[in-house]
Amino acid sequence: MKRVEITEKAKEIVEELKTKHGPLIFHQSGGCCDGSAPMIFEKDDMYLDESDILLGEVAGVPFYMNVDQYNYWKHTHLTIDITEGRGASFSLEIPLGVRFIIHSRLLDAAEKLFFQSS
């Protein structure tokens, strides 16, 4: 069972970015700039610490969320998507004229049990 997934359109952008930049990392901080938008960086450009939680991997890229943000989203399943328009962040997709967004839904009963036991 996955807690975070990605649409095909968003996956195509990730693949393009991997070809150009090498290993990548997704991070959702809830801080400044685009707030709770998922951002993608070159792997070595993102400092992670004990306040970052690995939620899974999408398109071969690890997806981390800051623990403060996770406390708001822990009851949801996340899907990374892409939309046209420039975000106000340092995320690598911005020069392409697109930005990553999150679609969420509440976890169903089976998912709740699974994630509570992991």
Protein backbone atom coordinates (compact mmCIF):
# COMPACT_ATOMS: atom_id res chain seq x y z
CA MET A 1 0.00 0.00 0.00
CA LYS A 2 1.32 3.43 -0.91
CA ARG A 3 0.72 6.65 0.95
CA VAL A 4 1.82 8.85 -1.95
CA GLU A 5 1.46 8.31 -5.70
CA ILE A 6 1.98 10.32 -8.87
CA THR A 7 -0.01 10.95 -12.03
CA GLU A 8 1.38 10.00 -15.43
CA LYS A 9 1.67 13.66 -16.47
CA ALA A 10 3.64 14.50 -13.34
CA LYS A 11 5.79 11.39 -13.80
CA GLU A 12 6.77 12.58 -17.29
CA ILE A 13 8.01 15.87 -15.81
CA VAL A 14 9.95 13.99 -13.11
CA GLU A 15 11.61 11.81 -15.77
CA GLU A 16 12.59 14.93 -17.74
CA LEU A 17 14.05 16.49 -14.59
CA LYS A 18 15.95 13.30 -13.68
CA THR A 19 17.53 13.26 -17.15
CA LYS A 20 18.64 16.87 -16.78
CA HIS A 21 19.59 16.96 -13.07
CA GLY A 22 20.33 13.40 -11.96
CA PRO A 23 19.07 12.03 -8.60
CA LEU A 24 16.20 14.04 -7.14
CA ILE A 25 14.20 14.41 -3.95
CA PHE A 26 10.64 15.60 -3.32
CA HIS A 27 10.00 17.63 -0.18
CA GLN A 28 6.88 19.25 1.22
CA SER A 29 7.74 21.65 4.01
CA GLY A 30 4.72 23.86 4.58
CA GLY A 31 7.07 26.79 4.98
CA CYS A 32 7.55 29.88 2.88
CA CYS A 33 7.18 30.36 -0.88
CA ASP A 34 4.56 27.92 -2.15
CA GLY A 35 3.55 26.84 1.34
CA SER A 36 2.50 23.21 1.26
CA ALA A 37 3.25 22.59 -2.44
CA PRO A 38 5.53 19.64 -3.14
CA MET A 39 8.91 20.75 -4.42
CA ILE A 40 11.57 18.78 -6.22
CA PHE A 41 15.29 19.39 -5.85
CA GLU A 42 18.57 17.82 -6.82
CA LYS A 43 19.22 15.21 -4.14
CA ASP A 44 22.30 16.91 -2.70
CA ASP A 45 20.61 20.35 -2.61
CA MET A 46 18.13 19.35 0.09
CA TYR A 47 19.19 19.01 3.72
CA LEU A 48 17.06 16.52 5.62
CA ASP A 49 17.00 16.03 9.36
CA GLU A 50 14.99 14.17 12.00
CA SER A 51 12.01 16.46 11.37
CA ASP A 52 11.54 15.04 7.85
CA ILE A 53 9.47 11.90 7.31
CA LEU A 54 9.87 9.62 4.29
CA LEU A 55 6.35 8.91 2.99
CA GLY A 56 7.41 6.78 0.06
CA GLU A 57 8.84 6.93 -3.40
CA VAL A 58 7.24 8.18 -6.61
CA ALA A 59 8.77 7.79 -10.08
CA GLY A 60 11.97 6.61 -8.41
CA VAL A 61 12.21 9.75 -6.27
CA PRO A 62 11.89 9.72 -2.46
CA PHE A 63 9.08 11.92 -1.09
CA TYR A 64 9.68 13.57 2.30
CA MET A 65 7.40 15.75 4.37
CA ASN A 66 8.27 17.89 7.35
CA VAL A 67 6.75 16.45 10.54
CA ASP A 68 4.72 19.61 11.23
CA GLN A 69 3.14 19.35 7.78
CA TYR A 70 2.71 15.57 8.21
CA ASN A 71 0.58 16.15 11.32
CA TYR A 72 -1.97 17.90 9.07
CA TRP A 73 -1.81 15.34 6.25
CA LYS A 74 -1.36 12.04 8.16
CA HIS A 75 -4.98 10.99 7.59
CA THR A 76 -4.73 11.38 3.82
CA HIS A 77 -3.50 9.62 0.71
CA LEU A 78 -1.57 11.99 -1.54
CA THR A 79 -1.27 12.11 -5.31
CA ILE A 80 1.32 14.37 -6.91
CA ASP A 81 0.07 16.04 -10.07
CA ILE A 82 1.25 18.83 -12.34
CA THR A 83 -0.49 22.02 -13.42
CA GLU A 84 0.42 24.79 -15.79
CA GLY A 85 1.67 28.02 -14.29
CA ARG A 86 4.73 29.13 -12.44
CA GLY A 87 4.96 28.64 -8.72
CA ALA A 88 6.94 30.98 -6.50
CA SER A 89 9.53 28.45 -5.39
CA PHE A 90 12.96 27.09 -6.16
CA SER A 91 11.53 23.77 -7.34
CA LEU A 92 13.19 22.43 -10.49
CA GLU A 93 10.00 22.23 -12.60
CA ILE A 94 9.32 25.99 -12.40
CA PRO A 95 11.39 26.94 -15.50
CA LEU A 96 9.25 24.49 -17.51
CA GLY A 97 6.16 26.64 -16.87
CA VAL A 98 4.51 24.04 -14.65
CA ARG A 99 4.36 23.26 -10.96
CA PHE A 100 3.64 20.24 -8.82
CA ILE A 101 0.44 20.16 -6.78
CA ILE A 102 -1.08 17.69 -4.31
CA HIS A 103 -4.47 16.02 -4.53
CA SER A 104 -5.54 14.38 -1.30
CA ARG A 105 -8.26 12.10 -0.05
CA LEU A 106 -8.93 10.62 3.36
CA LEU A 107 -7.44 7.21 4.00
CA ASP A 108 -9.94 4.39 3.85
CA ALA A 109 -10.34 1.97 6.78
CA ALA A 110 -7.86 -0.59 5.42
CA GLU A 111 -5.24 2.09 4.73
CA LYS A 112 -5.65 3.53 8.23
CA LEU A 113 -5.00 0.13 9.79
CA PHE A 114 -2.05 -0.53 7.51
CA PHE A 115 -0.32 2.79 8.15
CA GLN A 116 -0.99 2.72 11.90
CA SER A 117 0.74 -0.65 12.14
CA SER A 118 3.78 0.33 10.05
